[in-house]
Amino acid sequence: MDGTPRTSIINTPVLEAADRLGADFVAAQPFPHAVIDEFFAPAFARRLLAEFPGFEQGNFIGDDGQPGGKSTSDKVRQLGPAYRELDDAIRSQEFLQLLSRLTGIESLIYDPWYLGGGTHENRDGMSLDPHVDFNFHPSERWHRRLNLIIYLNPVWDAQWGGNFELFRDPHGSPRPDVSIAPAFNRCAIFETSERSWHGFDRIRLPPEHAGLTRRSIALYFYTKDRPTDEIAERHTTYYVNRQLPERFVEGAVLDAADVAEMRELVSQRDAHIRMLYAENTALRKAQDAGIGGQLVYLAKRAYVRFRR
């Protein structure tokens, strides 16, 4: 190590404004968050973009076993020198203490496995429904506390979609409270909790930019404890399908695009229902296996026969 601070990858103005940014983070609505432009030192951000993995280099196979429109890579240190430098930095106490200044969350823990994180790339047509993230680390007894997302899109227009969205209540309204374009070297950082609903709207690229993808790096941080009133039972990521757009009202005349969007929303709900039924079936199969499953089966059988 040459003695260079690990936080040297951060743009100097961000370091100088850390305390002010931290105050803004805590006060932000609909839940604590901050949007920080030019987050990384400019030269470092360009290096990350240059070493960003190709789409086929990542995991682009969906849960159905078919190629999809999203590709991820959690083998961060294998992506190149800039990503090794990033990994060295975010695990350091200097960087974690900076995050505490930016968010007010103390004793943050870096995830060496990048579970769910790493590089994310999304093609035209992709979107992410509003959701709250899994609340405990999958293998450790750590509380998930903070998401930090860096966007690496030198050319992007908010009208193309792919905007990062924050919701107060996605059950009640289709409109996000905050919408953030995924501009180059822009950082979106937010506290993860049972109310941190977030996603991004559908990417709709114009023909002249059809080959672009939405690129980002997702970093997740944890703590060993969290305030008692914020603790919930362990759960996986919880999605809410998007509501009908507000323009779908009585008397409105639907055009072809409206009909296509309605069919797409219904199709997404159908897919969600099928996924839930499949998960339920898998859980029942697991329950039926082994001694415990047999005991449950015999108990249910005895109960049904007793009722008769």
Foldseek 3Di string as FASTA:
>chain_A
DPPPALCLQFDPVCLVCLQVLQVCQCPDPPHRKGKDASGTPVVLLVVCLVLPDDQVVFDQQDPVRHGHFKGFDQPQCVSDDSSVSVVVSCQDPVNQVSVCSNHVDPDKHFDNRQVVFFKMKGAAFDKWFWWAAFQADPPDLWGWWKKKKAWADQDDDVVQWQWKFWDQDQVVALDGPDTHTRHHRMMMMHTGAPRGIIMIDGGHDDPVPNPDITMMGMTIITHNDDDPVGDDPGDHMDGDQGDQHPQPDPPDDDDPVSVVVVVVSVVVVVVVVVVVVVVVVVVLVVLCDDPNNVVVVVVVVVVVVVVD
